[in-house]
C-alpha atoms as a PDB file:
ATOM      1  CA  MET A   1     -77.580 -12.933 -30.744  1.00  0.00           C
ATOM      2  CA  LYS A   2     -78.362 -16.271 -29.268  1.00  0.00           C
ATOM      3  CA  GLY A   3     -76.764 -17.068 -25.911  1.00  0.00           C
ATOM      4  CA  LYS A   4     -75.437 -13.532 -25.404  1.00  0.00           C
ATOM      5  CA  LYS A   5     -77.067 -11.514 -22.661  1.00  0.00           C
ATOM      6  CA  THR A   6     -78.024  -7.964 -23.519  1.00  0.00           C
ATOM      7  CA  ASN A   7     -78.938  -5.113 -21.208  1.00  0.00           C
ATOM      8  CA  GLU A   8     -82.037  -4.317 -23.197  1.00  0.00           C
ATOM      9  CA  ASN A   9     -84.393  -6.262 -20.902  1.00  0.00           C
ATOM     10  CA  TRP A  10     -82.410  -5.833 -17.716  1.00  0.00           C
ATOM     11  CA  SER A  11     -84.423  -4.631 -14.735  1.00  0.00           C
ATOM     12  CA  HIS A  12     -83.806  -4.101 -11.011  1.00  0.00           C
ATOM     13  CA  LYS A  13     -87.048  -5.897 -10.260  1.00  0.00           C
ATOM     14  CA  ASN A  14     -85.288  -9.175 -11.019  1.00  0.00           C
ATOM     15  CA  ASP A  15     -82.323  -8.638  -8.676  1.00  0.00           C
ATOM     16  CA  PHE A  16     -84.143  -9.445  -5.424  1.00  0.00           C
ATOM     17  CA  PRO A  17     -87.513 -10.849  -4.380  1.00  0.00           C
ATOM     18  CA  ILE A  18     -89.941  -7.946  -4.432  1.00  0.00           C
ATOM     19  CA  GLU A  19     -90.869  -8.593  -0.774  1.00  0.00           C
ATOM     20  CA  GLU A  20     -87.267  -7.873   0.201  1.00  0.00           C
ATOM     21  CA  VAL A  21     -87.372  -4.603  -1.706  1.00  0.00           C
ATOM     22  CA  TRP A  22     -90.746  -3.498  -0.327  1.00  0.00           C
ATOM     23  CA  GLY A  23     -89.542  -4.258   3.199  1.00  0.00           C
ATOM     24  CA  THR A  24     -85.897  -3.328   2.837  1.00  0.00           C
ATOM     25  CA  TYR A  25     -85.607  -2.396   6.508  1.00  0.00           C
ATOM     26  CA  HIS A  26     -86.934  -5.834   7.531  1.00  0.00           C
ATOM     27  CA  THR A  27     -84.467  -7.547   5.202  1.00  0.00           C
ATOM     28  CA  LEU A  28     -81.505  -5.488   6.373  1.00  0.00           C
ATOM     29  CA  SER A  29     -82.484  -6.014  10.013  1.00  0.00           C
ATOM     30  CA  GLN A  30     -82.423  -9.775   9.474  1.00  0.00           C
ATOM     31  CA  LEU A  31     -78.922  -9.491   8.029  1.00  0.00           C
ATOM     32  CA  ILE A  32     -77.585  -7.093  10.653  1.00  0.00           C
ATOM     33  CA  VAL A  33     -78.759  -8.861  13.829  1.00  0.00           C
ATOM     34  CA  PRO A  34     -76.625 -12.027  13.522  1.00  0.00           C
ATOM     35  CA  ARG A  35     -73.585  -9.978  12.568  1.00  0.00           C
ATOM     36  CA  LEU A  36     -73.987  -7.625  15.518  1.00  0.00           C
ATOM     37  CA  LEU A  37     -74.459 -10.633  17.813  1.00  0.00           C
ATOM     38  CA  ALA A  38     -71.233 -12.161  16.487  1.00  0.00           C
ATOM     39  CA  PHE A  39     -69.401  -8.845  16.826  1.00  0.00           C
ATOM     40  CA  LYS A  40     -70.624  -8.428  20.407  1.00  0.00           C
ATOM     41  CA  ALA A  41     -69.412 -11.956  21.244  1.00  0.00           C
ATOM     42  CA  LEU A  42     -65.900 -11.265  19.939  1.00  0.00           C
ATOM     43  CA  GLU A  43     -63.087 -10.750  22.366  1.00  0.00           C
ATOM     44  CA  LYS A  44     -62.592  -7.198  21.183  1.00  0.00           C
ATOM     45  CA  HIS A  45     -59.280  -5.377  21.423  1.00  0.00           C
ATOM     46  CA  GLY A  46     -60.615  -1.873  21.267  1.00  0.00           C
ATOM     47  CA  ARG A  47     -63.618   0.390  21.607  1.00  0.00           C
ATOM     48  CA  PRO A  48     -64.635   3.924  20.735  1.00  0.00           C
ATOM     49  CA  ALA A  49     -62.845   6.446  22.942  1.00  0.00           C
ATOM     50  CA  ASP A  50     -66.043   7.661  24.605  1.00  0.00           C
ATOM     51  CA  PHE A  51     -66.588   4.301  26.372  1.00  0.00           C
ATOM     52  CA  LYS A  52     -64.879   3.563  29.675  1.00  0.00           C
ATOM     53  CA  ASP A  53     -64.662  -0.196  29.024  1.00  0.00           C
ATOM     54  CA  ILE A  54     -65.678  -3.065  26.735  1.00  0.00           C
ATOM     55  CA  GLN A  55     -68.741  -3.829  28.863  1.00  0.00           C
ATOM     56  CA  GLU A  56     -70.144  -0.352  28.204  1.00  0.00           C
ATOM     57  CA  TRP A  57     -69.396  -0.813  24.481  1.00  0.00           C
ATOM     58  CA  ASN A  58     -71.123  -4.223  24.520  1.00  0.00           C
ATOM     59  CA  ASN A  59     -74.178  -2.665  26.219  1.00  0.00           C
ATOM     60  CA  THR A  60     -74.366  -0.137  23.406  1.00  0.00           C
ATOM     61  CA  ILE A  61     -74.048  -2.872  20.791  1.00  0.00           C
ATOM     62  CA  GLN A  62     -76.913  -4.694  22.552  1.00  0.00           C
ATOM     63  CA  LYS A  63     -79.117  -1.606  22.186  1.00  0.00           C
ATOM     64  CA  MET A  64     -78.404  -1.703  18.453  1.00  0.00           C
ATOM     65  CA  ILE A  65     -79.275  -5.404  18.382  1.00  0.00           C
ATOM     66  CA  ASP A  66     -82.505  -4.773  20.280  1.00  0.00           C
ATOM     67  CA  ALA A  67     -83.568  -2.122  17.769  1.00  0.00           C
ATOM     68  CA  PHE A  68     -82.936  -4.341  14.757  1.00  0.00           C
ATOM     69  CA  GLU A  69     -84.588  -7.330  16.462  1.00  0.00           C
ATOM     70  CA  LEU A  70     -87.749  -5.264  16.883  1.00  0.00           C
ATOM     71  CA  MET A  71     -87.670  -4.236  13.227  1.00  0.00           C
ATOM     72  CA  LYS A  72     -87.076  -7.723  11.801  1.00  0.00           C
ATOM     73  CA  TYR A  73     -90.740  -8.606  11.412  1.00  0.00           C
ATOM     74  CA  ALA A  74     -93.066  -6.131  13.108  1.00  0.00           C
ATOM     75  CA  THR A  75     -94.602  -3.137  11.404  1.00  0.00           C
ATOM     76  CA  THR A  76     -96.263  -1.492  14.392  1.00  0.00           C
ATOM     77  CA  TYR A  77     -94.605  -0.734  17.688  1.00  0.00           C
ATOM     78  CA  SER A  78     -95.496   0.413  21.169  1.00  0.00           C
ATOM     79  CA  GLU A  79     -94.179   3.764  22.337  1.00  0.00           C
ATOM     80  CA  GLU A  80     -91.481   1.967  24.354  1.00  0.00           C
ATOM     81  CA  GLU A  81     -90.446  -0.094  21.317  1.00  0.00           C
ATOM     82  CA  GLU A  82     -90.314   3.006  19.115  1.00  0.00           C
ATOM     83  CA  HIS A  83     -88.032   4.655  21.669  1.00  0.00           C
ATOM     84  CA  ALA A  84     -85.754   1.583  21.709  1.00  0.00           C
ATOM     85  CA  ILE A  85     -85.659   1.561  17.892  1.00  0.00           C
ATOM     86  CA  VAL A  86     -84.808   5.260  17.618  1.00  0.00           C
ATOM     87  CA  GLN A  87     -82.140   4.942  20.299  1.00  0.00           C
ATOM     88  CA  GLY A  88     -80.613   1.830  18.710  1.00  0.00           C
ATOM     89  CA  LEU A  89     -80.595   3.314  15.215  1.00  0.00           C
ATOM     90  CA  ASP A  90     -79.030   6.534  16.491  1.00  0.00           C
ATOM     91  CA  LEU A  91     -76.289   4.496  18.175  1.00  0.00           C
ATOM     92  CA  PHE A  92     -75.819   2.352  15.060  1.00  0.00           C
ATOM     93  CA  SER A  93     -75.416   5.479  12.947  1.00  0.00           C
ATOM     94  CA  LYS A  94     -73.060   7.132  15.414  1.00  0.00           C
ATOM     95  CA  TYR A  95     -70.824   4.063  15.884  1.00  0.00           C
ATOM     96  CA  TYR A  96     -71.144   2.410  12.481  1.00  0.00           C
ATOM     97  CA  LEU A  97     -67.494   3.044  11.625  1.00  0.00           C
ATOM     98  CA  TYR A  98     -66.435   1.443  14.943  1.00  0.00           C
ATOM     99  CA  LEU A  99     -68.012  -1.931  14.160  1.00  0.00           C
ATOM    100  CA  TRP A 100     -64.685  -3.617  13.516  1.00  0.00           C
ATOM    101  CA  ASP A 101     -61.936  -5.109  15.574  1.00  0.00           C
END
C-alpha cells in the first residue's frame, strides 16, 4: 500500500541517534541538569519533611546536579567524583517524587 506506513520494517534503532542509546546515562544527564537547576532556582513552597529548611533542600538538589554534571560527558572518574556521583544518584532516587512544587 503506497503512502501507508506499516509496522513491518519498524525498528527501535530509528527512534534515537545510536550515540544517545549507547550512552543513555550521558543523554539523560544532559536533560536532567538544566531541569534540576531550574527547579533549584524556583521559589519553592515546600520540601520533604526530613529537611529543616529550603536551604538544606537546595543543598541536596545541588548534590544531585553535581552528580549529573559529572556524568554528562566523562566516562572515567576519580574516587572523589565517583563518591559524589553515588551520593547524588542515591539522593535523586530517594527524593525523585519530591521534585515538584
